[in-house]
C-alpha atoms as a PDB file:
ATOM      1  CA  MET A   1     117.389 128.681 119.097  1.00  0.00           C
ATOM      2  CA  ASP A   2     117.974 127.461 115.518  1.00  0.00           C
ATOM      3  CA  ARG A   3     120.481 124.872 116.752  1.00  0.00           C
ATOM      4  CA  LEU A   4     118.135 123.651 119.460  1.00  0.00           C
ATOM      5  CA  ALA A   5     115.292 123.276 116.955  1.00  0.00           C
ATOM      6  CA  SER A   6     117.601 121.399 114.597  1.00  0.00           C
ATOM      7  CA  TYR A   7     118.641 119.103 117.434  1.00  0.00           C
ATOM      8  CA  MET A   8     115.015 118.454 118.376  1.00  0.00           C
ATOM      9  CA  ARG A   9     114.081 117.771 114.761  1.00  0.00           C
ATOM     10  CA  GLY A  10     116.980 115.388 114.198  1.00  0.00           C
ATOM     11  CA  THR A  11     116.410 113.543 117.459  1.00  0.00           C
ATOM     12  CA  GLY A  12     112.735 113.102 116.630  1.00  0.00           C
ATOM     13  CA  PHE A  13     113.519 111.822 113.154  1.00  0.00           C
ATOM     14  CA  PHE A  14     116.061 109.247 114.300  1.00  0.00           C
ATOM     15  CA  ALA A  15     113.874 108.179 117.217  1.00  0.00           C
ATOM     16  CA  PHE A  16     111.150 107.404 114.719  1.00  0.00           C
ATOM     17  CA  ILE A  17     113.180 105.388 112.230  1.00  0.00           C
ATOM     18  CA  THR A  18     114.761 103.376 115.045  1.00  0.00           C
ATOM     19  CA  GLY A  19     111.337 102.435 116.346  1.00  0.00           C
ATOM     20  CA  ASP A  20     110.512 104.837 119.173  1.00  0.00           C
ATOM     21  CA  PRO A  21     107.482 106.789 117.915  1.00  0.00           C
ATOM     22  CA  VAL A  22     106.575 108.119 121.385  1.00  0.00           C
ATOM     23  CA  THR A  23     109.935 109.868 121.808  1.00  0.00           C
ATOM     24  CA  ALA A  24     109.823 110.903 118.157  1.00  0.00           C
ATOM     25  CA  GLN A  25     106.527 112.741 118.590  1.00  0.00           C
ATOM     26  CA  GLU A  26     107.746 114.475 121.756  1.00  0.00           C
ATOM     27  CA  TYR A  27     110.810 115.890 120.013  1.00  0.00           C
ATOM     28  CA  GLN A  28     108.999 116.694 116.774  1.00  0.00           C
ATOM     29  CA  LEU A  29     106.348 118.709 118.608  1.00  0.00           C
ATOM     30  CA  ALA A  30     109.061 120.533 120.558  1.00  0.00           C
ATOM     31  CA  SER A  31     110.834 121.355 117.301  1.00  0.00           C
ATOM     32  CA  ILE A  32     107.585 122.656 115.798  1.00  0.00           C
ATOM     33  CA  ASP A  33     107.119 125.039 118.738  1.00  0.00           C
ATOM     34  CA  LEU A  34     110.666 126.346 118.323  1.00  0.00           C
ATOM     35  CA  ASP A  35     110.287 126.745 114.556  1.00  0.00           C
ATOM     36  CA  VAL A  36     107.029 128.674 115.040  1.00  0.00           C
ATOM     37  CA  ASP A  37     108.663 130.987 117.573  1.00  0.00           C
ATOM     38  CA  ALA A  38     111.592 131.569 115.206  1.00  0.00           C
ATOM     39  CA  GLY A  39     109.384 132.003 112.148  1.00  0.00           C
ATOM     40  CA  ASP A  40     111.441 129.337 110.339  1.00  0.00           C
ATOM     41  CA  VAL A  41     108.848 128.095 107.862  1.00  0.00           C
ATOM     42  CA  ARG A  42     111.229 125.889 105.852  1.00  0.00           C
ATOM     43  CA  SER A  43     112.247 123.897 108.906  1.00  0.00           C
ATOM     44  CA  LEU A  44     108.656 123.881 110.149  1.00  0.00           C
ATOM     45  CA  GLU A  45     107.486 122.330 106.891  1.00  0.00           C
ATOM     46  CA  ARG A  46     110.047 119.517 107.200  1.00  0.00           C
ATOM     47  CA  THR A  47     109.132 118.807 110.819  1.00  0.00           C
ATOM     48  CA  TRP A  48     105.420 118.617 110.078  1.00  0.00           C
ATOM     49  CA  ARG A  49     106.204 116.033 107.399  1.00  0.00           C
ATOM     50  CA  ASN A  50     108.254 113.980 109.859  1.00  0.00           C
ATOM     51  CA  LEU A  51     105.361 114.070 112.307  1.00  0.00           C
ATOM     52  CA  ILE A  52     102.847 113.002 109.645  1.00  0.00           C
ATOM     53  CA  GLU A  53     104.885 109.910 108.854  1.00  0.00           C
ATOM     54  CA  CYS A  54     105.306 109.019 112.514  1.00  0.00           C
ATOM     55  CA  LEU A  55     101.599 109.383 113.265  1.00  0.00           C
ATOM     56  CA  GLY A  56     100.667 107.406 110.180  1.00  0.00           C
ATOM     57  CA  HIS A  57     102.778 104.401 111.121  1.00  0.00           C
ATOM     58  CA  VAL A  58     101.230 104.190 114.594  1.00  0.00           C
ATOM     59  CA  GLY A  59      97.774 104.368 113.049  1.00  0.00           C
ATOM     60  CA  ASP A  60      96.737 107.770 114.405  1.00  0.00           C
ATOM     61  CA  ILE A  61      95.299 108.813 111.074  1.00  0.00           C
ATOM     62  CA  ASP A  62      93.145 111.668 112.376  1.00  0.00           C
ATOM     63  CA  ALA A  63      96.134 113.347 114.026  1.00  0.00           C
ATOM     64  CA  ALA A  64      98.242 112.658 110.936  1.00  0.00           C
ATOM     65  CA  TRP A  65      95.628 114.350 108.763  1.00  0.00           C
ATOM     66  CA  GLU A  66      95.573 117.386 111.043  1.00  0.00           C
ATOM     67  CA  ALA A  67      99.363 117.528 110.721  1.00  0.00           C
ATOM     68  CA  ALA A  68      98.994 117.279 106.936  1.00  0.00           C
ATOM     69  CA  GLU A  69      96.653 120.285 106.999  1.00  0.00           C
ATOM     70  CA  GLU A  70      99.264 122.236 108.949  1.00  0.00           C
ATOM     71  CA  SER A  71     101.992 121.098 106.564  1.00  0.00           C
ATOM     72  CA  THR A  72      99.975 122.229 103.560  1.00  0.00           C
ATOM     73  CA  ALA A  73      99.410 125.648 105.115  1.00  0.00           C
ATOM     74  CA  VAL A  74     103.119 126.012 105.830  1.00  0.00           C
ATOM     75  CA  ALA A  75     103.963 124.870 102.280  1.00  0.00           C
ATOM     76  CA  ALA A  76     101.936 127.814 100.976  1.00  0.00           C
ATOM     77  CA  ARG A  77     104.089 130.131 103.082  1.00  0.00           C
ATOM     78  CA  VAL A  78     107.321 128.496 101.908  1.00  0.00           C
ATOM     79  CA  ASP A  79     105.990 128.893  98.344  1.00  0.00           C
ATOM     80  CA  THR A  80     108.404 126.573  96.534  1.00  0.00           C
ATOM     81  CA  THR A  81     107.680 123.773  94.102  1.00  0.00           C
ATOM     82  CA  SER A  82     109.235 121.172  96.378  1.00  0.00           C
ATOM     83  CA  ALA A  83     107.137 122.305  99.355  1.00  0.00           C
ATOM     84  CA  PHE A  84     103.889 122.039  97.372  1.00  0.00           C
ATOM     85  CA  ALA A  85     104.947 118.640  95.991  1.00  0.00           C
ATOM     86  CA  ASN A  86     105.848 117.377  99.451  1.00  0.00           C
ATOM     87  CA  ALA A  87     102.505 118.449 100.901  1.00  0.00           C
ATOM     88  CA  ALA A  88     100.655 116.612  98.131  1.00  0.00           C
ATOM     89  CA  GLU A  89     102.815 113.483  98.467  1.00  0.00           C
ATOM     90  CA  TRP A  90     102.230 113.115 102.199  1.00  0.00           C
ATOM     91  CA  ARG A  91      98.492 113.676 101.717  1.00  0.00           C
ATOM     92  CA  GLY A  92      98.512 111.053  98.990  1.00  0.00           C
ATOM     93  CA  TRP A  93     100.088 108.546 101.375  1.00  0.00           C
ATOM     94  CA  LEU A  94      97.483 109.181 104.071  1.00  0.00           C
ATOM     95  CA  LEU A  95      94.651 108.970 101.551  1.00  0.00           C
ATOM     96  CA  THR A  96      96.069 105.647 100.391  1.00  0.00           C
ATOM     97  CA  LEU A  97      95.971 104.290 103.939  1.00  0.00           C
ATOM     98  CA  LEU A  98      92.352 105.413 104.226  1.00  0.00           C
ATOM     99  CA  GLY A  99      91.457 103.724 100.946  1.00  0.00           C
ATOM    100  CA  GLU A 100      90.476 106.975  99.237  1.00  0.00           C
ATOM    101  CA  SER A 101      91.973 105.825  95.962  1.00  0.00           C
ATOM    102  CA  ARG A 102      90.744 108.500  93.597  1.00  0.00           C
ATOM    103  CA  ALA A 103      91.781 111.295  95.952  1.00  0.00           C
ATOM    104  CA  ALA A 104      95.169 109.646  96.551  1.00  0.00           C
ATOM    105  CA  GLU A 105      95.711 109.314  92.810  1.00  0.00           C
ATOM    106  CA  GLU A 106      94.906 112.987  92.298  1.00  0.00           C
ATOM    107  CA  ARG A 107      97.405 114.067  94.966  1.00  0.00           C
ATOM    108  CA  PHE A 108     100.156 111.784  93.694  1.00  0.00           C
ATOM    109  CA  MET A 109      99.698 112.905  90.088  1.00  0.00           C
ATOM    110  CA  PHE A 110      99.654 116.569  91.116  1.00  0.00           C
ATOM    111  CA  ALA A 111     102.928 116.078  92.999  1.00  0.00           C
ATOM    112  CA  ASP A 112     104.445 114.104  90.129  1.00  0.00           C
ATOM    113  CA  ARG A 113     103.639 116.847  87.636  1.00  0.00           C
ATOM    114  CA  LEU A 114     105.516 119.305  89.839  1.00  0.00           C
ATOM    115  CA  GLU A 115     108.466 116.914  90.244  1.00  0.00           C
ATOM    116  CA  TYR A 116     108.631 116.045  86.542  1.00  0.00           C
ATOM    117  CA  ALA A 117     108.540 119.669  85.442  1.00  0.00           C
ATOM    118  CA  GLU A 118     111.166 120.830  87.959  1.00  0.00           C
ATOM    119  CA  PRO A 119     114.654 121.483  86.478  1.00  0.00           C
ATOM    120  CA  PRO A 120     116.869 119.696  85.606  1.00  0.00           C
ATOM    121  CA  GLY A 121     113.702 117.865  84.784  1.00  0.00           C
ATOM    122  CA  ASN A 122     112.018 114.708  83.683  1.00  0.00           C
ATOM    123  CA  ASP A 123     112.315 112.752  86.933  1.00  0.00           C
ATOM    124  CA  HIS A 124     109.140 111.280  88.360  1.00  0.00           C
ATOM    125  CA  MET A 125     108.584 111.056  92.122  1.00  0.00           C
ATOM    126  CA  PHE A 126     111.479 109.408  93.920  1.00  0.00           C
ATOM    127  CA  SER A 127     112.776 108.524  97.381  1.00  0.00           C
ATOM    128  CA  PHE A 128     110.057 107.773  99.967  1.00  0.00           C
ATOM    129  CA  PRO A 129     107.203 109.447  98.049  1.00  0.00           C
ATOM    130  CA  GLY A 130     108.106 107.452  94.953  1.00  0.00           C
ATOM    131  CA  VAL A 131     107.911 104.275  97.024  1.00  0.00           C
ATOM    132  CA  TRP A 132     104.497 105.256  98.404  1.00  0.00           C
ATOM    133  CA  TRP A 133     103.113 105.908  94.941  1.00  0.00           C
ATOM    134  CA  ALA A 134     104.599 102.677  93.596  1.00  0.00           C
ATOM    135  CA  GLU A 135     103.004 100.721  96.466  1.00  0.00           C
ATOM    136  CA  PHE A 136      99.673 102.316  95.592  1.00  0.00           C
ATOM    137  CA  LEU A 137     100.137 101.430  91.919  1.00  0.00           C
ATOM    138  CA  VAL A 138     100.902  97.808  92.838  1.00  0.00           C
ATOM    139  CA  ARG A 139      97.849  97.641  95.083  1.00  0.00           C
ATOM    140  CA  THR A 140      95.601  99.008  92.342  1.00  0.00           C
ATOM    141  CA  GLY A 141      96.950  96.692  89.643  1.00  0.00           C
ATOM    142  CA  ARG A 142      99.055  99.141  87.574  1.00  0.00           C
ATOM    143  CA  HIS A 143     102.112  96.883  87.715  1.00  0.00           C
ATOM    144  CA  ALA A 144     103.928  98.154  84.626  1.00  0.00           C
ATOM    145  CA  ALA A 145     103.717 101.742  85.851  1.00  0.00           C
ATOM    146  CA  ALA A 146     104.900 100.675  89.313  1.00  0.00           C
ATOM    147  CA  ARG A 147     107.926  98.932  87.835  1.00  0.00           C
ATOM    148  CA  THR A 148     108.817 101.901  85.611  1.00  0.00           C
ATOM    149  CA  LEU A 149     108.540 104.306  88.528  1.00  0.00           C
ATOM    150  CA  THR A 150     110.546 102.062  90.861  1.00  0.00           C
ATOM    151  CA  ASP A 151     113.305 101.273  88.374  1.00  0.00           C
ATOM    152  CA  ALA A 152     113.863 105.022  87.933  1.00  0.00           C
ATOM    153  CA  ASN A 153     113.623 105.622  91.681  1.00  0.00           C
ATOM    154  CA  ARG A 154     116.179 102.893  92.355  1.00  0.00           C
ATOM    155  CA  ARG A 155     118.599 104.453  89.875  1.00  0.00           C
ATOM    156  CA  ILE A 156     118.301 107.869  91.541  1.00  0.00           C
ATOM    157  CA  CYS A 157     118.736 106.363  95.015  1.00  0.00           C
ATOM    158  CA  ALA A 158     121.823 104.415  93.925  1.00  0.00           C
ATOM    159  CA  GLU A 159     123.369 107.517  92.330  1.00  0.00           C
ATOM    160  CA  ASN A 160     122.871 109.493  95.546  1.00  0.00           C
ATOM    161  CA  GLY A 161     123.883 106.744  97.976  1.00  0.00           C
ATOM    162  CA  TRP A 162     120.427 106.602  99.587  1.00  0.00           C
ATOM    163  CA  ASN A 163     120.702 103.014 100.735  1.00  0.00           C
ATOM    164  CA  ASP A 164     117.525 102.912 102.829  1.00  0.00           C
ATOM    165  CA  ASP A 165     115.457 104.249  99.956  1.00  0.00           C
ATOM    166  CA  LEU A 166     117.146 101.809  97.599  1.00  0.00           C
ATOM    167  CA  ALA A 167     116.135  98.957  99.904  1.00  0.00           C
ATOM    168  CA  LEU A 168     112.517 100.105  99.788  1.00  0.00           C
ATOM    169  CA  CYS A 169     112.678 100.120  95.990  1.00  0.00           C
ATOM    170  CA  ASP A 170     113.868  96.509  96.121  1.00  0.00           C
ATOM    171  CA  ARG A 171     110.915  95.695  98.368  1.00  0.00           C
ATOM    172  CA  ILE A 172     108.585  97.069  95.691  1.00  0.00           C
ATOM    173  CA  LEU A 173     110.365  95.140  92.952  1.00  0.00           C
ATOM    174  CA  GLY A 174     110.073  92.002  95.063  1.00  0.00           C
ATOM    175  CA  SER A 175     106.341  92.528  95.442  1.00  0.00           C
ATOM    176  CA  LEU A 176     106.086  92.888  91.669  1.00  0.00           C
ATOM    177  CA  ASP A 177     107.927  89.599  91.194  1.00  0.00           C
ATOM    178  CA  LEU A 178     105.342  87.984  93.477  1.00  0.00           C
ATOM    179  CA  THR A 179     102.498  89.245  91.297  1.00  0.00           C
ATOM    180  CA  VAL A 180     103.923  87.398  88.277  1.00  0.00           C
ATOM    181  CA  GLY A 181     104.579  84.154  90.151  1.00  0.00           C
ATOM    182  CA  ARG A 182     108.312  84.494  90.803  1.00  0.00           C
ATOM    183  CA  PRO A 183     108.514  84.058  94.585  1.00  0.00           C
ATOM    184  CA  HIS A 184     112.155  82.963  94.638  1.00  0.00           C
ATOM    185  CA  ALA A 185     113.307  86.075  92.759  1.00  0.00           C
ATOM    186  CA  ALA A 186     111.083  88.173  95.001  1.00  0.00           C
ATOM    187  CA  ARG A 187     112.583  86.581  98.075  1.00  0.00           C
ATOM    188  CA  GLU A 188     116.135  87.393  96.988  1.00  0.00           C
ATOM    189  CA  LYS A 189     115.319  91.066  96.405  1.00  0.00           C
ATOM    190  CA  VAL A 190     113.446  91.521  99.663  1.00  0.00           C
ATOM    191  CA  ALA A 191     116.068  89.621 101.667  1.00  0.00           C
ATOM    192  CA  ALA A 192     118.704  92.041 100.365  1.00  0.00           C
ATOM    193  CA  ALA A 193     116.486  94.944 101.439  1.00  0.00           C
ATOM    194  CA  VAL A 194     116.176  93.436 104.934  1.00  0.00           C
ATOM    195  CA  VAL A 195     119.970  93.341 105.286  1.00  0.00           C
ATOM    196  CA  ILE A 196     120.277  97.043 104.429  1.00  0.00           C
ATOM    197  CA  LEU A 197     117.482  98.142 106.742  1.00  0.00           C
ATOM    198  CA  ARG A 198     118.744  95.992 109.613  1.00  0.00           C
ATOM    199  CA  ASP A 199     122.288  97.343 109.210  1.00  0.00           C
ATOM    200  CA  GLY A 200     120.885 100.881 109.309  1.00  0.00           C
ATOM    201  CA  ASP A 201     118.648 100.220 112.352  1.00  0.00           C
ATOM    202  CA  PHE A 202     115.691 101.406 110.298  1.00  0.00           C
ATOM    203  CA  LEU A 203     113.298  99.397 112.433  1.00  0.00           C
ATOM    204  CA  VAL A 204     110.039 100.917 111.202  1.00  0.00           C
ATOM    205  CA  GLU A 205     110.635  99.899 107.602  1.00  0.00           C
ATOM    206  CA  LEU A 206     112.446  96.724 108.668  1.00  0.00           C
ATOM    207  CA  ALA A 207     109.244  95.435 110.280  1.00  0.00           C
ATOM    208  CA  LEU A 208     107.289  96.059 107.080  1.00  0.00           C
ATOM    209  CA  THR A 209     109.988  94.530 104.912  1.00  0.00           C
ATOM    210  CA  LEU A 210     110.261  91.412 107.085  1.00  0.00           C
ATOM    211  CA  THR A 211     106.516  91.013 106.600  1.00  0.00           C
ATOM    212  CA  MET A 212     106.984  91.135 102.846  1.00  0.00           C
ATOM    213  CA  LEU A 213     109.865  88.652 103.137  1.00  0.00           C
ATOM    214  CA  ALA A 214     107.606  86.319 105.111  1.00  0.00           C
ATOM    215  CA  GLU A 215     105.021  86.506 102.321  1.00  0.00           C
ATOM    216  CA  CYS A 216     107.737  85.754  99.741  1.00  0.00           C
ATOM    217  CA  ALA A 217     108.911  82.726 101.745  1.00  0.00           C
ATOM    218  CA  ARG A 218     105.328  81.530 102.152  1.00  0.00           C
ATOM    219  CA  ALA A 219     104.726  81.796  98.407  1.00  0.00           C
ATOM    220  CA  ASP A 220     108.024  79.971  97.840  1.00  0.00           C
ATOM    221  CA  GLY A 221     106.820  77.098 100.022  1.00  0.00           C
ATOM    222  CA  ASP A 222     109.228  77.705 102.906  1.00  0.00           C
ATOM    223  CA  LEU A 223     106.768  78.022 105.775  1.00  0.00           C
ATOM    224  CA  ASP A 224     109.399  77.657 108.514  1.00  0.00           C
ATOM    225  CA  ALA A 225     111.315  80.667 107.193  1.00  0.00           C
ATOM    226  CA  ALA A 226     108.051  82.546 106.737  1.00  0.00           C
ATOM    227  CA  ASP A 227     107.205  81.912 110.402  1.00  0.00           C
ATOM    228  CA  GLN A 228     110.606  83.222 111.516  1.00  0.00           C
ATOM    229  CA  HIS A 229     110.340  86.404 109.449  1.00  0.00           C
ATOM    230  CA  VAL A 230     106.815  87.232 110.555  1.00  0.00           C
ATOM    231  CA  ALA A 231     107.675  86.528 114.204  1.00  0.00           C
ATOM    232  CA  GLU A 232     110.544  89.029 114.006  1.00  0.00           C
ATOM    233  CA  ALA A 233     108.271  91.582 112.343  1.00  0.00           C
ATOM    234  CA  LEU A 234     105.707  91.247 115.127  1.00  0.00           C
ATOM    235  CA  THR A 235     108.420  91.449 117.795  1.00  0.00           C
ATOM    236  CA  LEU A 236     109.476  94.775 116.313  1.00  0.00           C
ATOM    237  CA  ALA A 237     106.013  96.154 115.600  1.00  0.00           C
ATOM    238  CA  GLY A 238     103.863  95.085 118.539  1.00  0.00           C
ATOM    239  CA  PRO A 239     105.675  96.649 121.522  1.00  0.00           C
ATOM    240  CA  ARG A 240     106.373  99.819 119.525  1.00  0.00           C
ATOM    241  CA  LYS A 241     102.718 100.233 118.477  1.00  0.00           C
ATOM    242  CA  LEU A 242     103.696 100.266 114.802  1.00  0.00           C
ATOM    243  CA  VAL A 243     100.172  99.502 113.689  1.00  0.00           C
ATOM    244  CA  LEU A 244     100.815  99.423 109.942  1.00  0.00           C
ATOM    245  CA  ALA A 245     103.467  96.733 110.305  1.00  0.00           C
ATOM    246  CA  GLN A 246     101.606  94.848 113.030  1.00  0.00           C
ATOM    247  CA  ALA A 247      98.361  94.539 111.070  1.00  0.00           C
ATOM    248  CA  ALA A 248     100.220  93.523 107.915  1.00  0.00           C
ATOM    249  CA  ALA A 249     102.262  90.880 109.748  1.00  0.00           C
ATOM    250  CA  LEU A 250      99.198  89.367 111.430  1.00  0.00           C
ATOM    251  CA  ALA A 251      97.448  89.000 108.070  1.00  0.00           C
ATOM    252  CA  VAL A 252     100.506  87.303 106.584  1.00  0.00           C
ATOM    253  CA  ARG A 253     100.758  84.954 109.575  1.00  0.00           C
ATOM    254  CA  ALA A 254      97.108  84.034 109.089  1.00  0.00           C
ATOM    255  CA  GLY A 255      98.014  83.024 105.531  1.00  0.00           C
ATOM    256  CA  ILE A 256     100.885  80.886 106.810  1.00  0.00           C
ATOM    257  CA  HIS A 257      98.486  79.101 109.160  1.00  0.00           C
ATOM    258  CA  ALA A 258      96.120  78.536 106.245  1.00  0.00           C
ATOM    259  CA  ASP A 259      98.921  76.888 104.260  1.00  0.00           C
ATOM    260  CA  ARG A 260      99.844  74.665 107.202  1.00  0.00           C
ATOM    261  CA  ALA A 261      96.213  73.664 107.621  1.00  0.00           C
ATOM    262  CA  ALA A 262      95.961  72.915 103.893  1.00  0.00           C
ATOM    263  CA  ALA A 263      99.036  70.690 104.259  1.00  0.00           C
ATOM    264  CA  GLY A 264      97.176  68.529 106.771  1.00  0.00           C
ATOM    265  CA  ASP A 265      97.299  70.197 110.193  1.00  0.00           C
ATOM    266  CA  PRO A 266      93.779  71.477 110.934  1.00  0.00           C
ATOM    267  CA  ALA A 267      94.869  72.887 114.308  1.00  0.00           C
ATOM    268  CA  HIS A 268      96.257  75.851 112.362  1.00  0.00           C
ATOM    269  CA  LEU A 269      92.778  76.896 111.237  1.00  0.00           C
ATOM    270  CA  GLY A 270      91.920  78.304 114.661  1.00  0.00           C
ATOM    271  CA  ARG A 271      95.275  80.034 114.993  1.00  0.00           C
ATOM    272  CA  GLY A 272      94.820  81.560 111.558  1.00  0.00           C
ATOM    273  CA  ARG A 273      91.371  82.837 112.508  1.00  0.00           C
ATOM    274  CA  ASP A 274      92.821  84.470 115.613  1.00  0.00           C
ATOM    275  CA  ASP A 275      95.475  86.278 113.586  1.00  0.00           C
ATOM    276  CA  ALA A 276      93.035  87.332 110.868  1.00  0.00           C
ATOM    277  CA  ASP A 277      90.619  88.614 113.510  1.00  0.00           C
ATOM    278  CA  SER A 278      93.402  90.598 115.231  1.00  0.00           C
ATOM    279  CA  ALA A 279      94.521  92.087 111.917  1.00  0.00           C
ATOM    280  CA  LEU A 280      90.946  93.017 111.074  1.00  0.00           C
ATOM    281  CA  ARG A 281      90.326  94.670 114.447  1.00  0.00           C
ATOM    282  CA  LEU A 282      93.470  96.770 114.111  1.00  0.00           C
ATOM    283  CA  ALA A 283      92.620  97.765 110.557  1.00  0.00           C
ATOM    284  CA  VAL A 284      89.025  98.742 111.329  1.00  0.00           C
ATOM    285  CA  ARG A 285      89.934 100.575 114.542  1.00  0.00           C
ATOM    286  CA  HIS A 286      92.543 102.668 112.748  1.00  0.00           C
ATOM    287  CA  ARG A 287      90.645 102.974 109.443  1.00  0.00           C
ATOM    288  CA  LEU A 288      93.361 101.253 107.411  1.00  0.00           C
ATOM    289  CA  ALA A 289      91.432 100.149 104.356  1.00  0.00           C
ATOM    290  CA  TRP A 290      94.079  98.075 102.563  1.00  0.00           C
ATOM    291  CA  HIS A 291      95.013  96.309 105.794  1.00  0.00           C
ATOM    292  CA  GLU A 292      91.336  95.525 106.270  1.00  0.00           C
ATOM    293  CA  LEU A 293      91.307  93.960 102.804  1.00  0.00           C
ATOM    294  CA  ASP A 294      94.362  91.843 103.655  1.00  0.00           C
ATOM    295  CA  ALA A 295      92.600  90.544 106.778  1.00  0.00           C
ATOM    296  CA  LEU A 296      89.415  89.755 104.845  1.00  0.00           C
ATOM    297  CA  ASP A 297      91.454  87.924 102.205  1.00  0.00           C
ATOM    298  CA  ALA A 298      93.133  85.896 104.956  1.00  0.00           C
ATOM    299  CA  HIS A 299      89.744  84.906 106.354  1.00  0.00           C
ATOM    300  CA  ALA A 300      88.559  83.970 102.857  1.00  0.00           C
ATOM    301  CA  ARG A 301      91.621  81.770 102.347  1.00  0.00           C
ATOM    302  CA  LEU A 302      90.910  80.034 105.660  1.00  0.00           C
ATOM    303  CA  ASP A 303      87.322  79.445 104.494  1.00  0.00           C
ATOM    304  CA  VAL A 304      88.632  77.714 101.381  1.00  0.00           C
ATOM    305  CA  VAL A 305      90.940  75.480 103.411  1.00  0.00           C
ATOM    306  CA  ALA A 306      88.178  74.661 105.899  1.00  0.00           C
ATOM    307  CA  GLY A 307      85.705  73.965 103.104  1.00  0.00           C
ATOM    308  CA  LYS A 308      83.156  76.284 104.687  1.00  0.00           C
ATOM    309  CA  ALA A 309      81.882  79.600 103.378  1.00  0.00           C
ATOM    310  CA  HIS A 310      81.352  82.300 105.982  1.00  0.00           C
ATOM    311  CA  GLY A 311      80.952  85.239 103.613  1.00  0.00           C
ATOM    312  CA  TRP A 312      84.503  86.533 103.895  1.00  0.00           C
ATOM    313  CA  ALA A 313      85.209  86.283 100.168  1.00  0.00           C
ATOM    314  CA  GLY A 314      82.154  88.411  99.401  1.00  0.00           C
ATOM    315  CA  ARG A 315      83.187  91.054 101.914  1.00  0.00           C
ATOM    316  CA  ALA A 316      86.698  91.106 100.462  1.00  0.00           C
ATOM    317  CA  ALA A 317      85.372  91.441  96.905  1.00  0.00           C
ATOM    318  CA  ALA A 318      83.122  94.341  97.886  1.00  0.00           C
ATOM    319  CA  LEU A 319      85.947  96.210  99.595  1.00  0.00           C
ATOM    320  CA  ARG A 320      88.343  95.498  96.737  1.00  0.00           C
ATOM    321  CA  GLY A 321      85.830  96.991  94.334  1.00  0.00           C
ATOM    322  CA  ARG A 322      85.743 100.184  96.395  1.00  0.00           C
ATOM    323  CA  LEU A 323      89.520 100.393  96.732  1.00  0.00           C
ATOM    324  CA  ILE A 324      90.160  99.768  93.032  1.00  0.00           C
ATOM    325  CA  PRO A 325      87.441 101.834  91.338  1.00  0.00           C
ATOM    326  CA  ALA A 326      86.835 101.607  87.625  1.00  0.00           C
ATOM    327  CA  GLY A 327      88.504 104.209  85.469  1.00  0.00           C
ATOM    328  CA  LEU A 328      91.849 104.624  87.215  1.00  0.00           C
ATOM    329  CA  ASP A 329      94.491 105.742  84.722  1.00  0.00           C
ATOM    330  CA  PRO A 330      96.302 102.593  83.498  1.00  0.00           C
ATOM    331  CA  ASP A 331      99.502 104.563  82.840  1.00  0.00           C
ATOM    332  CA  PRO A 332      99.583 107.675  85.048  1.00  0.00           C
ATOM    333  CA  LEU A 333     103.295 108.287  84.413  1.00  0.00           C
ATOM    334  CA  SER A 334     102.683 108.753  80.690  1.00  0.00           C
ATOM    335  CA  THR A 335      99.735 110.991  81.465  1.00  0.00           C
ATOM    336  CA  VAL A 336     101.935 113.207  83.642  1.00  0.00           C
ATOM    337  CA  GLU A 337     104.560 113.369  80.904  1.00  0.00           C
ATOM    338  CA  ARG A 338     101.950 114.426  78.330  1.00  0.00           C
ATOM    339  CA  GLN A 339     100.523 117.048  80.664  1.00  0.00           C
ATOM    340  CA  VAL A 340     103.941 118.545  81.382  1.00  0.00           C
ATOM    341  CA  ALA A 341     104.851 118.511  77.686  1.00  0.00           C
ATOM    342  CA  ALA A 342     101.595 120.281  76.815  1.00  0.00           C
ATOM    343  CA  GLU A 343     102.181 122.922  79.474  1.00  0.00           C
ATOM    344  CA  ARG A 344     105.729 123.511  78.269  1.00  0.00           C
ATOM    345  CA  ALA A 345     104.550 123.823  74.673  1.00  0.00           C
ATOM    346  CA  LYS A 346     101.885 126.280  75.771  1.00  0.00           C
ATOM    347  CA  ASN A 347     104.552 128.392  77.469  1.00  0.00           C
ATOM    348  CA  GLY A 348     107.008 128.031  74.589  1.00  0.00           C
ATOM    349  CA  GLU A 349     109.467 125.948  76.644  1.00  0.00           C
ATOM    350  CA  SER A 350     111.633 123.038  75.563  1.00  0.00           C
ATOM    351  CA  ASN A 351     110.709 119.517  76.690  1.00  0.00           C
ATOM    352  CA  ILE A 352     114.358 118.474  76.887  1.00  0.00           C
END
């Protein structure tokens, strides 16, 4: 029974990363049933996490949240630091997708305190959860903290030979280069990440990373390359119902159309509107708040190019204000370090 459950779990995991979320869910649910029958709570906790990620990428946020509730309950039965941290990290990711920024921050910082305090100690969140938190930090404007977290994450991934995770760190670093106006450097980092993910058949993250590469190429002025990258991302995401990647790619393609229209081809305005509308419908239907903002920003950019105001910029500003509330900690990593140090001092422990 244990071997069958392990087979089901592994098959579901690899089905997901290679872009078959339907098969992935079938095998993950079968593994959960077997783990429940066997009373194997450690394996059950891992499988629930795999299912959360799968459901999140296809935009089934309600089902993903139900799975997160189950995962949290199982984590309490496992009763280890890593299980509690994992439950908080996956909740933080889902809350990020929903645009619940304060709640996401609370979950990520709770998990990071557990990670940082765990022997041998003094490592912030890493691997996939570290990437999720860094993406959230970039989105909410804490760029220095995102870079610090990702540089450390990249070092850990390189030391352990986690090439896929390392590629995702490079995607974050590329996005940070974009924020400071270095699109060519960003493009090099993200292109290297694409090579790793393509070689590993990690199609779910490949679609997202191609979308980022398209945005880098667009910012670098290479619209033909941007078109090619976003077309590949949509070819991967659309048929597989990978809603996160699909909505992101459509918003980026709307921006490419806006640039082409600004360069003198007004026919691209209508095409850009179509893509921005499609991205917005997906985002609203699946309650993906940051994807909704990307679509609104694309519409606002098209308004600027067309020389007509249709209220999109105001809608984007209002949503951005909700997603980036005042008072977010400007340096949450340092806050976590101080909190852990204070707790150790209270308990008479060394901070080394």
